[in-house]
Amino acid sequence: QVQLVESGGGLVQAGGSLRLSCAASGLTLSSYAMGWFRQAPGKEREFVAHINWSGDRTYYADSVKGRFTISRDNAKNTVYLQMNSLKPQDTAVYYCATSSLSSAVVAPQLRLYKDWGQGTQVTVSS
């Protein structure tokens, strides 16, 4: 049974940093590209970042480019999202997800991700 568990969320002041983790079990993470998405109250789930199987190619939403960094440690079956210079508009529940595909076109398409975690809350105060 595939399970993705996000952690590392919390309350942080604007300008601060958080690192989210997504621990995977029931699968070999190196066989999947991974994405991070977020959903704010009353809004649709949106793409944040994507990393390919080996970790040498990444894609970001324009809203987080230069502030967030996605990485992975396949030996630990874990994907990370380092979030710096956080803004109140980054407040959302953050989700990780698996994908069998990876490209700039695929990365932001929510429907192309298969397995999802339960999410972790990130709240940025002004």
PDB file of N, CA and C in Angstrom:
ATOM      1  N   GLN A   1       0.838  -1.189   0.000  1.00  0.00           N
ATOM      2  CA  GLN A   1       0.000   0.000   0.000  1.00  0.00           C
ATOM      3  C   GLN A   1       0.881   1.249   0.000  1.00  0.00           C
ATOM      4  N   VAL A   2       0.650   2.100  -0.979  1.00  0.00           N
ATOM      5  CA  VAL A   2       1.434   3.325  -1.095  1.00  0.00           C
ATOM      6  C   VAL A   2       0.961   4.340  -0.045  1.00  0.00           C
ATOM      7  N   GLN A   3       1.919   4.938   0.621  1.00  0.00           N
ATOM      8  CA  GLN A   3       1.592   5.967   1.598  1.00  0.00           C
ATOM      9  C   GLN A   3       2.597   7.099   1.480  1.00  0.00           C
ATOM     10  N   LEU A   4       2.083   8.311   1.414  1.00  0.00           N
ATOM     11  CA  LEU A   4       2.909   9.519   1.417  1.00  0.00           C
ATOM     12  C   LEU A   4       2.534  10.326   2.648  1.00  0.00           C
ATOM     13  N   VAL A   5       3.532  10.690   3.434  1.00  0.00           N
ATOM     14  CA  VAL A   5       3.269  11.424   4.669  1.00  0.00           C
ATOM     15  C   VAL A   5       4.086  12.710   4.666  1.00  0.00           C
ATOM     16  N   GLU A   6       3.380  13.825   4.616  1.00  0.00           N
ATOM     17  CA  GLU A   6       4.033  15.132   4.681  1.00  0.00           C
ATOM     18  C   GLU A   6       4.229  15.560   6.128  1.00  0.00           C
ATOM     19  N   SER A   7       5.293  16.296   6.361  1.00  0.00           N
ATOM     20  CA  SER A   7       5.564  16.856   7.677  1.00  0.00           C
ATOM     21  C   SER A   7       6.379  18.126   7.516  1.00  0.00           C
ATOM     22  N   GLY A   8       6.509  18.869   8.613  1.00  0.00           N
ATOM     23  CA  GLY A   8       7.338  20.062   8.606  1.00  0.00           C
ATOM     24  C   GLY A   8       6.578  21.369   8.515  1.00  0.00           C
ATOM     25  N   GLY A   9       5.272  21.275   8.365  1.00  0.00           N
ATOM     26  CA  GLY A   9       4.486  22.502   8.325  1.00  0.00           C
ATOM     27  C   GLY A   9       4.412  23.160   9.690  1.00  0.00           C
ATOM     28  N   GLY A  10       3.851  24.352   9.707  1.00  0.00           N
ATOM     29  CA  GLY A  10       3.710  25.076  10.965  1.00  0.00           C
ATOM     30  C   GLY A  10       3.405  26.530  10.736  1.00  0.00           C
ATOM     31  N   LEU A  11       3.547  27.300  11.811  1.00  0.00           N
ATOM     32  CA  LEU A  11       3.307  28.737  11.779  1.00  0.00           C
ATOM     33  C   LEU A  11       4.637  29.464  11.748  1.00  0.00           C
ATOM     34  N   VAL A  12       4.790  30.382  10.809  1.00  0.00           N
ATOM     35  CA  VAL A  12       6.039  31.110  10.667  1.00  0.00           C
ATOM     36  C   VAL A  12       5.724  32.555  10.285  1.00  0.00           C
ATOM     37  N   GLN A  13       6.590  33.469  10.676  1.00  0.00           N
ATOM     38  CA  GLN A  13       6.399  34.861  10.304  1.00  0.00           C
ATOM     39  C   GLN A  13       6.846  35.087   8.857  1.00  0.00           C
ATOM     40  N   ALA A  14       6.278  36.102   8.248  1.00  0.00           N
ATOM     41  CA  ALA A  14       6.692  36.473   6.903  1.00  0.00           C
ATOM     42  C   ALA A  14       8.198  36.698   6.861  1.00  0.00           C
ATOM     43  N   GLY A  15       8.828  36.187   5.803  1.00  0.00           N
ATOM     44  CA  GLY A  15      10.262  36.267   5.665  1.00  0.00           C
ATOM     45  C   GLY A  15      10.995  35.059   6.217  1.00  0.00           C
ATOM     46  N   GLY A  16      10.290  34.236   6.934  1.00  0.00           N
ATOM     47  CA  GLY A  16      10.878  33.055   7.536  1.00  0.00           C
ATOM     48  C   GLY A  16      10.982  31.881   6.573  1.00  0.00           C
ATOM     49  N   SER A  17      11.422  30.746   7.115  1.00  0.00           N
ATOM     50  CA  SER A  17      11.654  29.545   6.303  1.00  0.00           C
ATOM     51  C   SER A  17      11.059  28.321   6.966  1.00  0.00           C
ATOM     52  N   LEU A  18      10.708  27.371   6.134  1.00  0.00           N
ATOM     53  CA  LEU A  18      10.281  26.054   6.577  1.00  0.00           C
ATOM     54  C   LEU A  18      10.801  25.027   5.591  1.00  0.00           C
ATOM     55  N   ARG A  19      11.025  23.812   6.064  1.00  0.00           N
ATOM     56  CA  ARG A  19      11.346  22.716   5.158  1.00  0.00           C
ATOM     57  C   ARG A  19      10.321  21.618   5.336  1.00  0.00           C
ATOM     58  N   LEU A  20       9.616  21.327   4.285  1.00  0.00           N
ATOM     59  CA  LEU A  20       8.644  20.242   4.287  1.00  0.00           C
ATOM     60  C   LEU A  20       9.306  18.952   3.829  1.00  0.00           C
ATOM     61  N   SER A  21       8.833  17.854   4.397  1.00  0.00           N
ATOM     62  CA  SER A  21       9.300  16.532   3.989  1.00  0.00           C
ATOM     63  C   SER A  21       8.102  15.701   3.541  1.00  0.00           C
ATOM     64  N   CYS A  22       8.362  14.810   2.624  1.00  0.00           N
ATOM     65  CA  CYS A  22       7.347  13.867   2.148  1.00  0.00           C
ATOM     66  C   CYS A  22       7.997  12.494   2.172  1.00  0.00           C
ATOM     67  N   ALA A  23       7.603  11.693   3.150  1.00  0.00           N
ATOM     68  CA  ALA A  23       8.168  10.356   3.301  1.00  0.00           C
ATOM     69  C   ALA A  23       7.249   9.345   2.625  1.00  0.00           C
ATOM     70  N   ALA A  24       7.841   8.531   1.764  1.00  0.00           N
ATOM     71  CA  ALA A  24       7.061   7.569   0.996  1.00  0.00           C
ATOM     72  C   ALA A  24       7.318   6.155   1.488  1.00  0.00           C
ATOM     73  N   SER A  25       6.267   5.357   1.498  1.00  0.00           N
ATOM     74  CA  SER A  25       6.387   3.938   1.806  1.00  0.00           C
ATOM     75  C   SER A  25       5.488   3.158   0.860  1.00  0.00           C
ATOM     76  N   GLY A  26       5.811   1.871   0.690  1.00  0.00           N
ATOM     77  CA  GLY A  26       5.015   1.042  -0.203  1.00  0.00           C
ATOM     78  C   GLY A  26       5.361   1.212  -1.674  1.00  0.00           C
ATOM     79  N   LEU A  27       6.420   1.951  -1.952  1.00  0.00           N
ATOM     80  CA  LEU A  27       6.866   2.140  -3.321  1.00  0.00           C
ATOM     81  C   LEU A  27       8.356   2.479  -3.318  1.00  0.00           C
ATOM     82  N   THR A  28       8.964   2.343  -4.480  1.00  0.00           N
ATOM     83  CA  THR A  28      10.361   2.754  -4.641  1.00  0.00           C
ATOM     84  C   THR A  28      10.348   4.154  -5.228  1.00  0.00           C
ATOM     85  N   LEU A  29      10.683   5.119  -4.397  1.00  0.00           N
ATOM     86  CA  LEU A  29      10.515   6.514  -4.784  1.00  0.00           C
ATOM     87  C   LEU A  29      11.288   6.864  -6.049  1.00  0.00           C
ATOM     88  N   SER A  30      12.423   6.223  -6.259  1.00  0.00           N
ATOM     89  CA  SER A  30      13.245   6.542  -7.434  1.00  0.00           C
ATOM     90  C   SER A  30      12.550   6.208  -8.749  1.00  0.00           C
ATOM     91  N   SER A  31      11.456   5.481  -8.693  1.00  0.00           N
ATOM     92  CA  SER A  31      10.690   5.138  -9.891  1.00  0.00           C
ATOM     93  C   SER A  31       9.668   6.204 -10.264  1.00  0.00           C
ATOM     94  N   TYR A  32       9.573   7.254  -9.443  1.00  0.00           N
ATOM     95  CA  TYR A  32       8.534   8.262  -9.639  1.00  0.00           C
ATOM     96  C   TYR A  32       9.123   9.665  -9.640  1.00  0.00           C
ATOM     97  N   ALA A  33       8.565  10.488 -10.506  1.00  0.00           N
ATOM     98  CA  ALA A  33       8.733  11.921 -10.347  1.00  0.00           C
ATOM     99  C   ALA A  33       7.792  12.353  -9.224  1.00  0.00           C
ATOM    100  N   MET A  34       8.099  13.479  -8.607  1.00  0.00           N
ATOM    101  CA  MET A  34       7.320  13.930  -7.466  1.00  0.00           C
ATOM    102  C   MET A  34       6.948  15.395  -7.614  1.00  0.00           C
ATOM    103  N   GLY A  35       5.792  15.721  -7.091  1.00  0.00           N
ATOM    104  CA  GLY A  35       5.352  17.104  -7.118  1.00  0.00           C
ATOM    105  C   GLY A  35       4.872  17.566  -5.762  1.00  0.00           C
ATOM    106  N   TRP A  36       4.957  18.865  -5.565  1.00  0.00           N
ATOM    107  CA  TRP A  36       4.335  19.521  -4.408  1.00  0.00           C
ATOM    108  C   TRP A  36       3.233  20.433  -4.948  1.00  0.00           C
ATOM    109  N   PHE A  37       2.098  20.384  -4.289  1.00  0.00           N
ATOM    110  CA  PHE A  37       0.968  21.250  -4.591  1.00  0.00           C
ATOM    111  C   PHE A  37       0.505  21.903  -3.299  1.00  0.00           C
ATOM    112  N   ARG A  38      -0.321  22.920  -3.412  1.00  0.00           N
ATOM    113  CA  ARG A  38      -0.868  23.550  -2.223  1.00  0.00           C
ATOM    114  C   ARG A  38      -2.300  23.981  -2.488  1.00  0.00           C
ATOM    115  N   GLN A  39      -3.049  24.078  -1.394  1.00  0.00           N
ATOM    116  CA  GLN A  39      -4.442  24.504  -1.504  1.00  0.00           C
ATOM    117  C   GLN A  39      -4.774  25.433  -0.351  1.00  0.00           C
ATOM    118  N   ALA A  40      -5.116  26.654  -0.686  1.00  0.00           N
ATOM    119  CA  ALA A  40      -5.539  27.635   0.303  1.00  0.00           C
ATOM    120  C   ALA A  40      -7.051  27.548   0.464  1.00  0.00           C
ATOM    121  N   PRO A  41      -7.588  27.999   1.593  1.00  0.00           N
ATOM    122  CA  PRO A  41      -9.033  27.943   1.817  1.00  0.00           C
ATOM    123  C   PRO A  41      -9.802  28.638   0.707  1.00  0.00           C
ATOM    124  N   GLY A  42     -10.791  27.940   0.179  1.00  0.00           N
ATOM    125  CA  GLY A  42     -11.630  28.519  -0.857  1.00  0.00           C
ATOM    126  C   GLY A  42     -11.015  28.577  -2.226  1.00  0.00           C
ATOM    127  N   LYS A  43      -9.823  27.997  -2.372  1.00  0.00           N
ATOM    128  CA  LYS A  43      -9.148  28.042  -3.668  1.00  0.00           C
ATOM    129  C   LYS A  43      -8.885  26.629  -4.174  1.00  0.00           C
ATOM    130  N   GLU A  44      -8.591  26.536  -5.467  1.00  0.00           N
ATOM    131  CA  GLU A  44      -8.268  25.238  -6.043  1.00  0.00           C
ATOM    132  C   GLU A  44      -6.832  24.855  -5.686  1.00  0.00           C
ATOM    133  N   ARG A  45      -6.579  23.554  -5.718  1.00  0.00           N
ATOM    134  CA  ARG A  45      -5.226  23.068  -5.495  1.00  0.00           C
ATOM    135  C   ARG A  45      -4.344  23.521  -6.658  1.00  0.00           C
ATOM    136  N   GLU A  46      -3.160  24.037  -6.316  1.00  0.00           N
ATOM    137  CA  GLU A  46      -2.288  24.565  -7.350  1.00  0.00           C
ATOM    138  C   GLU A  46      -0.895  23.971  -7.260  1.00  0.00           C
ATOM    139  N   PHE A  47      -0.252  23.949  -8.411  1.00  0.00           N
ATOM    140  CA  PHE A  47       1.100  23.422  -8.529  1.00  0.00           C
ATOM    141  C   PHE A  47       2.103  24.325  -7.846  1.00  0.00           C
ATOM    142  N   VAL A  48       3.092  23.702  -7.193  1.00  0.00           N
ATOM    143  CA  VAL A  48       4.168  24.445  -6.551  1.00  0.00           C
ATOM    144  C   VAL A  48       5.521  24.085  -7.162  1.00  0.00           C
ATOM    145  N   ALA A  49       5.856  22.782  -7.163  1.00  0.00           N
ATOM    146  CA  ALA A  49       7.174  22.366  -7.636  1.00  0.00           C
ATOM    147  C   ALA A  49       7.135  20.903  -8.051  1.00  0.00           C
ATOM    148  N   HIS A  50       8.090  20.530  -8.896  1.00  0.00           N
ATOM    149  CA  HIS A  50       8.169  19.164  -9.422  1.00  0.00           C
ATOM    150  C   HIS A  50       9.633  18.785  -9.588  1.00  0.00           C
ATOM    151  N   ILE A  51       9.929  17.512  -9.341  1.00  0.00           N
ATOM    152  CA  ILE A  51      11.295  17.024  -9.509  1.00  0.00           C
ATOM    153  C   ILE A  51      11.251  15.685 -10.235  1.00  0.00           C
ATOM    154  N   ASN A  52      12.191  15.475 -11.136  1.00  0.00           N
ATOM    155  CA  ASN A  52      12.176  14.229 -11.886  1.00  0.00           C
ATOM    156  C   ASN A  52      12.787  13.079 -11.060  1.00  0.00           C
ATOM    157  N   TRP A  53      12.874  11.906 -11.666  1.00  0.00           N
ATOM    158  CA  TRP A  53      13.243  10.707 -10.926  1.00  0.00           C
ATOM    159  C   TRP A  53      14.619  10.822 -10.266  1.00  0.00           C
ATOM    160  N   SER A  54      15.566  11.369 -10.994  1.00  0.00           N
ATOM    161  CA  SER A  54      16.932  11.410 -10.480  1.00  0.00           C
ATOM    162  C   SER A  54      17.236  12.689  -9.711  1.00  0.00           C
ATOM    163  N   GLY A  55      16.357  13.660  -9.841  1.00  0.00           N
ATOM    164  CA  GLY A  55      16.556  14.909  -9.125  1.00  0.00           C
ATOM    165  C   GLY A  55      17.360  15.949  -9.870  1.00  0.00           C
ATOM    166  N   ASP A  56      17.684  15.689 -11.127  1.00  0.00           N
ATOM    167  CA  ASP A  56      18.505  16.649 -11.856  1.00  0.00           C
ATOM    168  C   ASP A  56      17.684  17.607 -12.705  1.00  0.00           C
ATOM    169  N   ARG A  57      16.367  17.499 -12.620  1.00  0.00           N
ATOM    170  CA  ARG A  57      15.515  18.440 -13.330  1.00  0.00           C
ATOM    171  C   ARG A  57      14.347  18.838 -12.429  1.00  0.00           C
ATOM    172  N   THR A  58      14.148  20.134 -12.306  1.00  0.00           N
ATOM    173  CA  THR A  58      13.085  20.646 -11.451  1.00  0.00           C
ATOM    174  C   THR A  58      12.281  21.721 -12.176  1.00  0.00           C
ATOM    175  N   TYR A  59      11.045  21.893 -11.739  1.00  0.00           N
ATOM    176  CA  TYR A  59      10.153  22.906 -12.309  1.00  0.00           C
ATOM    177  C   TYR A  59       9.402  23.577 -11.156  1.00  0.00           C
ATOM    178  N   TYR A  60       9.138  24.857 -11.327  1.00  0.00           N
ATOM    179  CA  TYR A  60       8.498  25.625 -10.257  1.00  0.00           C
ATOM    180  C   TYR A  60       7.394  26.515 -10.819  1.00  0.00           C
ATOM    181  N   ALA A  61       6.408  26.750  -9.969  1.00  0.00           N
ATOM    182  CA  ALA A  61       5.429  27.782 -10.278  1.00  0.00           C
ATOM    183  C   ALA A  61       6.119  29.136 -10.204  1.00  0.00           C
ATOM    184  N   ASP A  62       5.686  30.054 -11.025  1.00  0.00           N
ATOM    185  CA  ASP A  62       6.295  31.390 -11.034  1.00  0.00           C
ATOM    186  C   ASP A  62       6.218  32.055  -9.664  1.00  0.00           C
ATOM    187  N   SER A  63       5.169  31.769  -8.932  1.00  0.00           N
ATOM    188  CA  SER A  63       4.946  32.426  -7.647  1.00  0.00           C
ATOM    189  C   SER A  63       5.966  32.021  -6.586  1.00  0.00           C
ATOM    190  N   VAL A  64       6.665  30.902  -6.790  1.00  0.00           N
ATOM    191  CA  VAL A  64       7.621  30.446  -5.778  1.00  0.00           C
ATOM    192  C   VAL A  64       9.048  30.374  -6.315  1.00  0.00           C
ATOM    193  N   LYS A  65       9.214  30.626  -7.592  1.00  0.00           N
ATOM    194  CA  LYS A  65      10.532  30.504  -8.203  1.00  0.00           C
ATOM    195  C   LYS A  65      11.517  31.445  -7.520  1.00  0.00           C
ATOM    196  N   GLY A  66      12.684  30.931  -7.186  1.00  0.00           N
ATOM    197  CA  GLY A  66      13.701  31.719  -6.499  1.00  0.00           C
ATOM    198  C   GLY A  66      13.576  31.712  -4.986  1.00  0.00           C
ATOM    199  N   ARG A  67      12.441  31.227  -4.471  1.00  0.00           N
ATOM    200  CA  ARG A  67      12.240  31.177  -3.018  1.00  0.00           C
ATOM    201  C   ARG A  67      12.149  29.736  -2.508  1.00  0.00           C
ATOM    202  N   PHE A  68      11.576  28.849  -3.310  1.00  0.00           N
ATOM    203  CA  PHE A  68      11.400  27.461  -2.908  1.00  0.00           C
ATOM    204  C   PHE A  68      12.360  26.571  -3.689  1.00  0.00           C
ATOM    205  N   THR A  69      12.790  25.476  -3.036  1.00  0.00           N
ATOM    206  CA  THR A  69      13.658  24.497  -3.686  1.00  0.00           C
ATOM    207  C   THR A  69      13.157  23.094  -3.387  1.00  0.00           C
ATOM    208  N   ILE A  70      12.904  22.328  -4.428  1.00  0.00           N
ATOM    209  CA  ILE A  70      12.501  20.933  -4.263  1.00  0.00           C
ATOM    210  C   ILE A  70      13.738  20.058  -4.427  1.00  0.00           C
ATOM    211  N   SER A  71      13.826  19.022  -3.604  1.00  0.00           N
ATOM    212  CA  SER A  71      14.938  18.083  -3.692  1.00  0.00           C
ATOM    213  C   SER A  71      14.448  16.715  -3.260  1.00  0.00           C
ATOM    214  N   ARG A  72      15.290  15.721  -3.464  1.00  0.00           N
ATOM    215  CA  ARG A  72      14.894  14.370  -3.086  1.00  0.00           C
ATOM    216  C   ARG A  72      16.097  13.573  -2.634  1.00  0.00           C
ATOM    217  N   ASP A  73      15.828  12.605  -1.763  1.00  0.00           N
ATOM    218  CA  ASP A  73      16.838  11.652  -1.320  1.00  0.00           C
ATOM    219  C   ASP A  73      16.227  10.273  -1.539  1.00  0.00           C
ATOM    220  N   ASN A  74      16.554   9.664  -2.669  1.00  0.00           N
ATOM    221  CA  ASN A  74      15.930   8.386  -3.006  1.00  0.00           C
ATOM    222  C   ASN A  74      16.333   7.283  -2.036  1.00  0.00           C
ATOM    223  N   ALA A  75      17.503   7.402  -1.469  1.00  0.00           N
ATOM    224  CA  ALA A  75      17.932   6.396  -0.493  1.00  0.00           C
ATOM    225  C   ALA A  75      17.046   6.435   0.755  1.00  0.00           C
ATOM    226  N   LYS A  76      16.502   7.603   1.060  1.00  0.00           N
ATOM    227  CA  LYS A  76      15.624   7.755   2.220  1.00  0.00           C
ATOM    228  C   LYS A  76      14.151   7.738   1.826  1.00  0.00           C
ATOM    229  N   ASN A  77      13.891   7.578   0.530  1.00  0.00           N
ATOM    230  CA  ASN A  77      12.495   7.582   0.051  1.00  0.00           C
ATOM    231  C   ASN A  77      11.758   8.850   0.473  1.00  0.00           C
ATOM    232  N   THR A  78      12.438   9.960   0.374  1.00  0.00           N
ATOM    233  CA  THR A  78      11.896  11.231   0.873  1.00  0.00           C
ATOM    234  C   THR A  78      12.143  12.356  -0.126  1.00  0.00           C
ATOM    235  N   VAL A  79      11.142  13.213  -0.244  1.00  0.00           N
ATOM    236  CA  VAL A  79      11.232  14.422  -1.053  1.00  0.00           C
ATOM    237  C   VAL A  79      11.070  15.621  -0.125  1.00  0.00           C
ATOM    238  N   TYR A  80      11.757  16.690  -0.444  1.00  0.00           N
ATOM    239  CA  TYR A  80      11.749  17.872   0.410  1.00  0.00           C
ATOM    240  C   TYR A  80      11.288  19.106  -0.371  1.00  0.00           C
ATOM    241  N   LEU A  81      10.789  20.063   0.372  1.00  0.00           N
ATOM    242  CA  LEU A  81      10.494  21.379  -0.183  1.00  0.00           C
ATOM    243  C   LEU A  81      11.023  22.421   0.800  1.00  0.00           C
ATOM    244  N   GLN A  82      12.125  23.046   0.446  1.00  0.00           N
ATOM    245  CA  GLN A  82      12.681  24.120   1.244  1.00  0.00           C
ATOM    246  C   GLN A  82      12.013  25.419   0.829  1.00  0.00           C
ATOM    247  N   MET A  83      11.402  26.088   1.781  1.00  0.00           N
ATOM    248  CA  MET A  83      10.650  27.309   1.502  1.00  0.00           C
ATOM    249  C   MET A  83      11.286  28.471   2.256  1.00  0.00           C
ATOM    250  N   ASN A  84      11.816  29.421   1.519  1.00  0.00           N
ATOM    251  CA  ASN A  84      12.442  30.603   2.099  1.00  0.00           C
ATOM    252  C   ASN A  84      11.656  31.855   1.741  1.00  0.00           C
ATOM    253  N   SER A  85      11.924  32.925   2.451  1.00  0.00           N
ATOM    254  CA  SER A  85      11.264  34.209   2.185  1.00  0.00           C
ATOM    255  C   SER A  85       9.755  34.034   2.083  1.00  0.00           C
ATOM    256  N   LEU A  86       9.199  33.347   3.043  1.00  0.00           N
ATOM    257  CA  LEU A  86       7.774  33.034   3.000  1.00  0.00           C
ATOM    258  C   LEU A  86       6.927  34.297   3.105  1.00  0.00           C
ATOM    259  N   LYS A  87       5.785  34.249   2.413  1.00  0.00           N
ATOM    260  CA  LYS A  87       4.846  35.355   2.367  1.00  0.00           C
ATOM    261  C   LYS A  87       3.488  34.878   2.882  1.00  0.00           C
ATOM    262  N   PRO A  88       2.664  35.787   3.375  1.00  0.00           N
ATOM    263  CA  PRO A  88       1.326  35.374   3.832  1.00  0.00           C
ATOM    264  C   PRO A  88       0.541  34.629   2.754  1.00  0.00           C
ATOM    265  N   GLN A  89       0.739  34.971   1.498  1.00  0.00           N
ATOM    266  CA  GLN A  89       0.022  34.291   0.416  1.00  0.00           C
ATOM    267  C   GLN A  89       0.514  32.866   0.176  1.00  0.00           C
ATOM    268  N   ASP A  90       1.569  32.454   0.857  1.00  0.00           N
ATOM    269  CA  ASP A  90       2.004  31.058   0.791  1.00  0.00           C
ATOM    270  C   ASP A  90       1.211  30.172   1.756  1.00  0.00           C
ATOM    271  N   THR A  91       0.370  30.773   2.577  1.00  0.00           N
ATOM    272  CA  THR A  91      -0.438  30.016   3.530  1.00  0.00           C
ATOM    273  C   THR A  91      -1.361  29.054   2.795  1.00  0.00           C
ATOM    274  N   ALA A  92      -1.265  27.777   3.147  1.00  0.00           N
ATOM    275  CA  ALA A  92      -2.043  26.738   2.474  1.00  0.00           C
ATOM    276  C   ALA A  92      -1.734  25.393   3.111  1.00  0.00           C
ATOM    277  N   VAL A  93      -2.503  24.388   2.711  1.00  0.00           N
ATOM    278  CA  VAL A  93      -2.138  23.007   3.003  1.00  0.00           C
ATOM    279  C   VAL A  93      -1.279  22.533   1.837  1.00  0.00           C
ATOM    280  N   TYR A  94      -0.130  21.959   2.157  1.00  0.00           N
ATOM    281  CA  TYR A  94       0.811  21.513   1.137  1.00  0.00           C
ATOM    282  C   TYR A  94       0.761  19.990   1.017  1.00  0.00           C
ATOM    283  N   TYR A  95       0.692  19.523  -0.229  1.00  0.00           N
ATOM    284  CA  TYR A  95       0.582  18.116  -0.527  1.00  0.00           C
ATOM    285  C   TYR A  95       1.721  17.664  -1.439  1.00  0.00           C
ATOM    286  N   CYS A  96       2.195  16.441  -1.228  1.00  0.00           N
ATOM    287  CA  CYS A  96       3.111  15.836  -2.185  1.00  0.00           C
ATOM    288  C   CYS A  96       2.360  14.744  -2.948  1.00  0.00           C
ATOM    289  N   ALA A  97       2.875  14.427  -4.133  1.00  0.00           N
ATOM    290  CA  ALA A  97       2.197  13.471  -4.993  1.00  0.00           C
ATOM    291  C   ALA A  97       3.194  12.828  -5.941  1.00  0.00           C
ATOM    292  N   THR A  98       2.858  11.614  -6.394  1.00  0.00           N
ATOM    293  CA  THR A  98       3.715  10.885  -7.314  1.00  0.00           C
ATOM    294  C   THR A  98       3.224  11.037  -8.751  1.00  0.00           C
ATOM    295  N   SER A  99       4.161  10.954  -9.673  1.00  0.00           N
ATOM    296  CA  SER A  99       3.821  10.964 -11.083  1.00  0.00           C
ATOM    297  C   SER A  99       4.749  10.022 -11.846  1.00  0.00           C
ATOM    298  N   SER A 100       4.194   9.366 -12.849  1.00  0.00           N
ATOM    299  CA  SER A 100       5.013   8.501 -13.694  1.00  0.00           C
ATOM    300  C   SER A 100       5.636   9.266 -14.851  1.00  0.00           C
ATOM    301  N   LEU A 101       5.263  10.528 -14.975  1.00  0.00           N
ATOM    302  CA  LEU A 101       5.737  11.367 -16.065  1.00  0.00           C
ATOM    303  C   LEU A 101       6.480  12.574 -15.520  1.00  0.00           C
ATOM    304  N   SER A 102       7.352  13.126 -16.343  1.00  0.00           N
ATOM    305  CA  SER A 102       8.084  14.310 -15.918  1.00  0.00           C
ATOM    306  C   SER A 102       8.489  15.140 -17.127  1.00  0.00           C
ATOM    307  N   SER A 103       8.021  16.366 -17.141  1.00  0.00           N
ATOM    308  CA  SER A 103       8.425  17.341 -18.145  1.00  0.00           C
ATOM    309  C   SER A 103       7.852  18.687 -17.710  1.00  0.00           C
ATOM    310  N   ALA A 104       8.258  19.732 -18.390  1.00  0.00           N
ATOM    311  CA  ALA A 104       7.732  21.056 -18.066  1.00  0.00           C
ATOM    312  C   ALA A 104       6.224  21.119 -18.324  1.00  0.00           C
ATOM    313  N   VAL A 105       5.756  20.353 -19.289  1.00  0.00           N
ATOM    314  CA  VAL A 105       4.320  20.338 -19.595  1.00  0.00           C
ATOM    315  C   VAL A 105       3.554  19.526 -18.561  1.00  0.00           C
ATOM    316  N   VAL A 106       4.120  18.419 -18.145  1.00  0.00           N
ATOM    317  CA  VAL A 106       3.461  17.519 -17.190  1.00  0.00           C
ATOM    318  C   VAL A 106       3.413  18.121 -15.798  1.00  0.00           C
ATOM    319  N   ALA A 107       4.477  18.760 -15.395  1.00  0.00           N
ATOM    320  CA  ALA A 107       4.670  19.147 -13.995  1.00  0.00           C
ATOM    321  C   ALA A 107       3.464  19.830 -13.343  1.00  0.00           C
ATOM    322  N   PRO A 108       2.844  20.819 -13.943  1.00  0.00           N
ATOM    323  CA  PRO A 108       1.763  21.515 -13.250  1.00  0.00           C
ATOM    324  C   PRO A 108       0.384  20.862 -13.368  1.00  0.00           C
ATOM    325  N   GLN A 109       0.272  19.752 -14.050  1.00  0.00           N
ATOM    326  CA  GLN A 109      -1.037  19.148 -14.310  1.00  0.00           C
ATOM    327  C   GLN A 109      -1.423  18.174 -13.194  1.00  0.00           C
ATOM    328  N   LEU A 110      -2.277  18.638 -12.333  1.00  0.00           N
ATOM    329  CA  LEU A 110      -2.702  17.887 -11.150  1.00  0.00           C
ATOM    330  C   LEU A 110      -3.230  16.496 -11.521  1.00  0.00           C
ATOM    331  N   ARG A 111      -3.937  16.391 -12.631  1.00  0.00           N
ATOM    332  CA  ARG A 111      -4.580  15.126 -13.008  1.00  0.00           C
ATOM    333  C   ARG A 111      -3.573  14.039 -13.363  1.00  0.00           C
ATOM    334  N   LEU A 112      -2.303  14.419 -13.596  1.00  0.00           N
ATOM    335  CA  LEU A 112      -1.286  13.438 -13.975  1.00  0.00           C
ATOM    336  C   LEU A 112      -0.533  12.876 -12.777  1.00  0.00           C
ATOM    337  N   TYR A 113      -0.962  13.244 -11.589  1.00  0.00           N
ATOM    338  CA  TYR A 113      -0.369  12.707 -10.365  1.00  0.00           C
ATOM    339  C   TYR A 113      -1.286  11.643  -9.799  1.00  0.00           C
ATOM    340  N   LYS A 114      -0.679  10.585  -9.269  1.00  0.00           N
ATOM    341  CA  LYS A 114      -1.486   9.435  -8.869  1.00  0.00           C
ATOM    342  C   LYS A 114      -1.726   9.353  -7.366  1.00  0.00           C
ATOM    343  N   ASP A 115      -0.665   9.230  -6.591  1.00  0.00           N
ATOM    344  CA  ASP A 115      -0.789   9.039  -5.149  1.00  0.00           C
ATOM    345  C   ASP A 115      -0.552  10.363  -4.438  1.00  0.00           C
ATOM    346  N   TRP A 116      -1.357  10.646  -3.416  1.00  0.00           N
ATOM    347  CA  TRP A 116      -1.301  11.916  -2.696  1.00  0.00           C
ATOM    348  C   TRP A 116      -1.165  11.673  -1.204  1.00  0.00           C
ATOM    349  N   GLY A 117      -0.460  12.574  -0.552  1.00  0.00           N
ATOM    350  CA  GLY A 117      -0.416  12.555   0.892  1.00  0.00           C
ATOM    351  C   GLY A 117      -1.611  13.275   1.484  1.00  0.00           C
ATOM    352  N   GLN A 118      -1.652  13.344   2.817  1.00  0.00           N
ATOM    353  CA  GLN A 118      -2.788  13.963   3.510  1.00  0.00           C
ATOM    354  C   GLN A 118      -2.606  15.459   3.695  1.00  0.00           C
ATOM    355  N   GLY A 119      -1.405  15.937   3.450  1.00  0.00           N
ATOM    356  CA  GLY A 119      -1.141  17.372   3.522  1.00  0.00           C
ATOM    357  C   GLY A 119      -0.599  17.823   4.860  1.00  0.00           C
ATOM    358  N   THR A 120       0.103  18.950   4.829  1.00  0.00           N
ATOM    359  CA  THR A 120       0.603  19.582   6.046  1.00  0.00           C
ATOM    360  C   THR A 120       0.324  21.077   5.943  1.00  0.00           C
ATOM    361  N   GLN A 121      -0.148  21.656   7.044  1.00  0.00           N
ATOM    362  CA  GLN A 121      -0.564  23.056   7.039  1.00  0.00           C
ATOM    363  C   GLN A 121       0.636  23.980   7.192  1.00  0.00           C
ATOM    364  N   VAL A 122       0.716  24.964   6.328  1.00  0.00           N
ATOM    365  CA  VAL A 122       1.702  26.033   6.439  1.00  0.00           C
ATOM    366  C   VAL A 122       0.951  27.342   6.599  1.00  0.00           C
ATOM    367  N   THR A 123       1.252  28.060   7.663  1.00  0.00           N
ATOM    368  CA  THR A 123       0.616  29.353   7.920  1.00  0.00           C
ATOM    369  C   THR A 123       1.698  30.412   8.079  1.00  0.00           C
ATOM    370  N   VAL A 124       1.616  31.446   7.273  1.00  0.00           N
ATOM    371  CA  VAL A 124       2.593  32.530   7.309  1.00  0.00           C
ATOM    372  C   VAL A 124       1.888  33.784   7.794  1.00  0.00           C
ATOM    373  N   SER A 125       2.349  34.307   8.917  1.00  0.00           N
ATOM    374  CA  SER A 125       1.734  35.506   9.480  1.00  0.00           C
ATOM    375  C   SER A 125       2.459  36.759   9.000  1.00  0.00           C
ATOM    376  N   SER A 126       1.708  37.841   8.888  1.00  0.00           N
ATOM    377  CA  SER A 126       2.296  39.094   8.396  1.00  0.00           C
ATOM    378  C   SER A 126       2.833  39.935   9.536  1.00  0.00           C
TER     379      SER A 126
END
